[in-house]
N, C-alpha and C. Protein backbone atom coordinates (compact mmCIF):
# COMPACT_ATOMS: atom_id res chain seq x y z
N MET A 1 1.91 -12.87 38.97
CA MET A 1 1.52 -13.12 37.60
C MET A 1 1.20 -11.78 36.94
N PRO A 2 1.65 -11.58 35.70
CA PRO A 2 1.37 -10.32 35.02
C PRO A 2 -0.13 -10.16 34.79
N SER A 3 -0.56 -8.91 34.70
CA SER A 3 -1.97 -8.68 34.45
C SER A 3 -2.34 -9.15 33.05
N THR A 4 -3.58 -9.53 32.89
CA THR A 4 -4.04 -10.01 31.59
C THR A 4 -5.19 -9.14 31.12
N SER A 5 -5.42 -9.18 29.85
CA SER A 5 -6.50 -8.43 29.25
C SER A 5 -7.32 -9.39 28.40
N LYS A 6 -8.60 -9.48 28.68
CA LYS A 6 -9.45 -10.39 27.92
C LYS A 6 -9.76 -9.78 26.56
N ARG A 7 -9.74 -10.63 25.54
CA ARG A 7 -10.06 -10.23 24.16
C ARG A 7 -10.99 -11.27 23.56
N THR A 8 -11.74 -10.84 22.60
CA THR A 8 -12.60 -11.76 21.86
C THR A 8 -12.21 -11.69 20.40
N PHE A 9 -11.99 -12.85 19.79
CA PHE A 9 -11.57 -12.92 18.40
C PHE A 9 -12.45 -13.88 17.64
N SER A 10 -12.61 -13.61 16.37
CA SER A 10 -13.26 -14.54 15.47
C SER A 10 -12.17 -15.18 14.61
N LEU A 11 -12.23 -16.49 14.49
CA LEU A 11 -11.24 -17.22 13.72
C LEU A 11 -11.91 -18.06 12.65
N PRO A 12 -11.23 -18.28 11.55
CA PRO A 12 -11.75 -19.25 10.57
C PRO A 12 -11.83 -20.62 11.24
N ALA A 13 -12.73 -21.44 10.77
CA ALA A 13 -12.95 -22.76 11.37
C ALA A 13 -11.67 -23.58 11.41
N ALA A 14 -10.86 -23.51 10.36
CA ALA A 14 -9.63 -24.32 10.32
C ALA A 14 -8.68 -23.91 11.44
N GLN A 15 -8.57 -22.61 11.72
CA GLN A 15 -7.69 -22.17 12.80
C GLN A 15 -8.25 -22.56 14.17
N ALA A 16 -9.55 -22.48 14.32
CA ALA A 16 -10.17 -22.90 15.59
C ALA A 16 -9.94 -24.39 15.82
N ARG A 17 -10.07 -25.19 14.77
CA ARG A 17 -9.81 -26.64 14.90
C ARG A 17 -8.35 -26.89 15.25
N TYR A 18 -7.45 -26.13 14.66
CA TYR A 18 -6.02 -26.28 14.95
C TYR A 18 -5.76 -26.03 16.43
N ILE A 19 -6.32 -24.96 16.96
CA ILE A 19 -6.16 -24.65 18.39
C ILE A 19 -6.72 -25.79 19.23
N ASP A 20 -7.91 -26.24 18.87
CA ASP A 20 -8.53 -27.34 19.63
C ASP A 20 -7.65 -28.60 19.61
N ARG A 21 -7.05 -28.91 18.46
CA ARG A 21 -6.17 -30.09 18.37
C ARG A 21 -4.95 -29.93 19.27
N LYS A 22 -4.39 -28.72 19.30
CA LYS A 22 -3.22 -28.48 20.14
C LYS A 22 -3.56 -28.70 21.62
N VAL A 23 -4.72 -28.22 22.03
CA VAL A 23 -5.14 -28.39 23.43
C VAL A 23 -5.44 -29.87 23.70
N LYS A 24 -6.16 -30.50 22.79
CA LYS A 24 -6.53 -31.91 22.97
C LYS A 24 -5.30 -32.81 23.03
N SER A 25 -4.24 -32.44 22.30
CA SER A 25 -3.02 -33.26 22.29
C SER A 25 -2.26 -33.18 23.61
N GLY A 26 -2.59 -32.16 24.40
CA GLY A 26 -1.89 -31.98 25.66
C GLY A 26 -0.68 -31.05 25.55
N ALA A 27 -0.41 -30.58 24.35
CA ALA A 27 0.73 -29.68 24.15
C ALA A 27 0.49 -28.34 24.85
N TYR A 28 -0.77 -27.95 24.98
CA TYR A 28 -1.14 -26.70 25.65
C TYR A 28 -2.32 -26.98 26.56
N ALA A 29 -2.41 -26.24 27.65
CA ALA A 29 -3.49 -26.45 28.62
C ALA A 29 -4.78 -25.75 28.21
N SER A 30 -4.67 -24.73 27.37
CA SER A 30 -5.87 -23.98 26.99
C SER A 30 -5.67 -23.31 25.64
N ALA A 31 -6.78 -22.88 25.07
CA ALA A 31 -6.72 -22.15 23.80
C ALA A 31 -5.92 -20.86 23.98
N SER A 32 -6.04 -20.23 25.14
CA SER A 32 -5.29 -19.00 25.39
C SER A 32 -3.79 -19.23 25.32
N GLU A 33 -3.33 -20.38 25.83
CA GLU A 33 -1.90 -20.70 25.76
C GLU A 33 -1.45 -20.85 24.32
N VAL A 34 -2.28 -21.46 23.49
CA VAL A 34 -1.94 -21.63 22.07
C VAL A 34 -1.81 -20.26 21.41
N VAL A 35 -2.77 -19.40 21.67
CA VAL A 35 -2.74 -18.06 21.07
C VAL A 35 -1.53 -17.28 21.56
N ARG A 36 -1.23 -17.36 22.85
CA ARG A 36 -0.05 -16.65 23.38
C ARG A 36 1.23 -17.16 22.73
N ALA A 37 1.34 -18.47 22.54
CA ALA A 37 2.53 -19.03 21.90
C ALA A 37 2.63 -18.53 20.45
N GLY A 38 1.51 -18.46 19.78
CA GLY A 38 1.51 -17.95 18.41
C GLY A 38 1.93 -16.49 18.35
N LEU A 39 1.44 -15.70 19.29
CA LEU A 39 1.83 -14.29 19.34
C LEU A 39 3.31 -14.12 19.66
N ARG A 40 3.83 -14.95 20.56
CA ARG A 40 5.26 -14.89 20.86
C ARG A 40 6.09 -15.20 19.61
N ALA A 41 5.66 -16.22 18.85
CA ALA A 41 6.37 -16.58 17.63
C ALA A 41 6.31 -15.43 16.61
N LEU A 42 5.16 -14.78 16.52
CA LEU A 42 5.02 -13.64 15.61
C LEU A 42 5.92 -12.49 16.04
N GLN A 43 5.97 -12.23 17.34
CA GLN A 43 6.86 -11.18 17.85
C GLN A 43 8.32 -11.49 17.55
N GLU A 44 8.72 -12.74 17.75
CA GLU A 44 10.10 -13.13 17.47
C GLU A 44 10.42 -12.96 16.00
N ARG A 45 9.49 -13.34 15.13
CA ARG A 45 9.71 -13.18 13.69
C ARG A 45 9.83 -11.72 13.32
N ASP A 46 8.94 -10.88 13.87
CA ASP A 46 8.99 -9.44 13.59
C ASP A 46 10.30 -8.83 14.07
N GLU A 47 10.74 -9.23 15.27
CA GLU A 47 12.00 -8.71 15.81
C GLU A 47 13.18 -9.15 14.95
N ALA A 48 13.16 -10.40 14.48
CA ALA A 48 14.24 -10.89 13.62
C ALA A 48 14.26 -10.11 12.30
N MET A 49 13.10 -9.83 11.75
CA MET A 49 13.02 -9.07 10.50
C MET A 49 13.55 -7.65 10.72
N GLU A 50 13.17 -7.02 11.80
CA GLU A 50 13.65 -5.67 12.12
C GLU A 50 15.16 -5.67 12.28
N ARG A 51 15.69 -6.68 12.99
CA ARG A 51 17.13 -6.79 13.20
C ARG A 51 17.85 -6.95 11.87
N TRP A 52 17.33 -7.82 10.99
CA TRP A 52 17.92 -8.05 9.68
C TRP A 52 17.93 -6.76 8.85
N LEU A 53 16.80 -6.06 8.86
CA LEU A 53 16.75 -4.80 8.11
C LEU A 53 17.76 -3.80 8.65
N ARG A 54 17.79 -3.64 9.95
CA ARG A 54 18.67 -2.66 10.59
C ARG A 54 20.15 -3.02 10.45
N GLU A 55 20.49 -4.30 10.64
CA GLU A 55 21.88 -4.70 10.70
C GLU A 55 22.48 -5.09 9.35
N GLU A 56 21.64 -5.54 8.42
CA GLU A 56 22.19 -6.01 7.15
C GLU A 56 21.73 -5.19 5.95
N VAL A 57 20.45 -4.92 5.87
CA VAL A 57 19.93 -4.23 4.69
C VAL A 57 20.32 -2.76 4.68
N VAL A 58 20.09 -2.06 5.77
CA VAL A 58 20.38 -0.63 5.82
C VAL A 58 21.85 -0.33 5.55
N PRO A 59 22.80 -1.04 6.16
CA PRO A 59 24.20 -0.74 5.86
C PRO A 59 24.55 -0.94 4.38
N VAL A 60 24.02 -1.97 3.76
CA VAL A 60 24.30 -2.21 2.34
C VAL A 60 23.67 -1.11 1.49
N TYR A 61 22.43 -0.76 1.82
CA TYR A 61 21.78 0.33 1.09
C TYR A 61 22.59 1.62 1.23
N ASP A 62 22.99 1.94 2.45
CA ASP A 62 23.76 3.16 2.69
C ASP A 62 25.08 3.15 1.92
N ALA A 63 25.76 2.00 1.90
CA ALA A 63 27.03 1.89 1.18
C ALA A 63 26.82 2.08 -0.32
N CYS A 64 25.78 1.48 -0.86
CA CYS A 64 25.50 1.63 -2.29
C CYS A 64 25.05 3.05 -2.63
N HIS A 65 24.33 3.64 -1.73
CA HIS A 65 23.88 5.03 -1.95
C HIS A 65 25.09 5.98 -1.92
N ALA A 66 26.02 5.71 -1.02
CA ALA A 66 27.22 6.55 -0.91
C ALA A 66 28.15 6.35 -2.11
N ASP A 67 28.19 5.11 -2.63
CA ASP A 67 29.07 4.80 -3.76
C ASP A 67 28.31 3.91 -4.74
N PRO A 68 27.55 4.51 -5.65
CA PRO A 68 26.72 3.74 -6.59
C PRO A 68 27.50 2.75 -7.45
N THR A 69 28.81 2.92 -7.58
CA THR A 69 29.58 1.97 -8.39
C THR A 69 29.66 0.59 -7.72
N ARG A 70 29.33 0.51 -6.43
CA ARG A 70 29.33 -0.78 -5.72
C ARG A 70 28.15 -1.65 -6.13
N ALA A 71 27.12 -1.03 -6.63
CA ALA A 71 25.89 -1.77 -6.96
C ALA A 71 26.07 -2.57 -8.26
N ILE A 72 25.36 -3.66 -8.35
CA ILE A 72 25.35 -4.48 -9.57
C ILE A 72 24.05 -4.15 -10.31
N PRO A 73 24.14 -3.81 -11.58
CA PRO A 73 22.92 -3.48 -12.34
C PRO A 73 21.94 -4.66 -12.34
N ALA A 74 20.66 -4.35 -12.23
CA ALA A 74 19.62 -5.38 -12.18
C ALA A 74 19.67 -6.28 -13.41
N ASP A 75 19.93 -5.71 -14.59
CA ASP A 75 20.01 -6.53 -15.80
C ASP A 75 21.07 -7.61 -15.67
N GLN A 76 22.20 -7.26 -15.09
CA GLN A 76 23.28 -8.23 -14.90
C GLN A 76 22.87 -9.31 -13.90
N VAL A 77 22.24 -8.91 -12.82
CA VAL A 77 21.80 -9.87 -11.81
C VAL A 77 20.82 -10.86 -12.42
N PHE A 78 19.82 -10.34 -13.15
CA PHE A 78 18.81 -11.23 -13.75
C PHE A 78 19.43 -12.13 -14.81
N ALA A 79 20.37 -11.63 -15.59
CA ALA A 79 21.04 -12.46 -16.60
C ALA A 79 21.79 -13.60 -15.93
N GLU A 80 22.48 -13.30 -14.83
CA GLU A 80 23.21 -14.35 -14.12
C GLU A 80 22.26 -15.36 -13.49
N LEU A 81 21.15 -14.89 -12.96
CA LEU A 81 20.16 -15.82 -12.39
C LEU A 81 19.57 -16.72 -13.47
N ARG A 82 19.24 -16.15 -14.62
CA ARG A 82 18.69 -16.95 -15.72
C ARG A 82 19.69 -18.01 -16.17
N ALA A 83 20.96 -17.60 -16.30
CA ALA A 83 21.99 -18.55 -16.72
C ALA A 83 22.15 -19.67 -15.70
N HIS A 84 22.13 -19.31 -14.43
CA HIS A 84 22.24 -20.32 -13.37
C HIS A 84 21.05 -21.27 -13.40
N HIS A 85 19.87 -20.72 -13.56
CA HIS A 85 18.65 -21.53 -13.61
C HIS A 85 18.69 -22.48 -14.80
N THR A 86 19.10 -21.99 -15.96
CA THR A 86 19.19 -22.82 -17.15
C THR A 86 20.19 -23.95 -16.95
N ALA A 87 21.33 -23.64 -16.35
CA ALA A 87 22.34 -24.67 -16.09
C ALA A 87 21.79 -25.73 -15.13
N GLU A 88 21.08 -25.30 -14.10
CA GLU A 88 20.49 -26.26 -13.14
C GLU A 88 19.46 -27.15 -13.82
N GLN A 89 18.66 -26.58 -14.70
CA GLN A 89 17.66 -27.39 -15.42
C GLN A 89 18.34 -28.43 -16.29
N ARG A 90 19.41 -28.04 -16.95
CA ARG A 90 20.15 -28.99 -17.80
C ARG A 90 20.73 -30.12 -16.98
N LYS A 91 21.26 -29.82 -15.79
CA LYS A 91 21.80 -30.85 -14.90
C LYS A 91 20.72 -31.84 -14.52
N ARG A 92 19.55 -31.33 -14.16
CA ARG A 92 18.45 -32.21 -13.75
C ARG A 92 18.00 -33.10 -14.89
N LYS A 93 17.97 -32.55 -16.12
CA LYS A 93 17.56 -33.35 -17.27
C LYS A 93 18.56 -34.46 -17.51
N ARG A 94 19.86 -34.16 -17.38
CA ARG A 94 20.89 -35.18 -17.58
C ARG A 94 20.79 -36.28 -16.54
N LYS A 95 20.51 -35.89 -15.30
CA LYS A 95 20.39 -36.89 -14.21
C LYS A 95 19.19 -37.79 -14.42
N SER A 96 18.11 -37.21 -14.92
CA SER A 96 16.89 -38.01 -15.07
C SER A 96 16.89 -38.82 -16.36
N ALA A 97 17.82 -38.54 -17.26
CA ALA A 97 17.86 -39.28 -18.54
C ALA A 97 18.55 -40.60 -18.41
């Protein structure tokens, strides 16, 4: 078994109750297991974010930096988003009428 390190944490009452409910439900054997599962989920999310930044965001940024004509001006993007939003609102109004 890997070595462990004891820690002491203070939690808001709602989070402490959540941990207690998880243990009481039988989903976890102890509060420590709940916390470890939460930390694993946080690590996975952080790793996914890092991967996304490295594999998708950085290449697009680099391409736009190398050739600024590839970029779409923010004014154009916002105008298109506003037009799309307005069209969606009109559709919803027609459906509900």
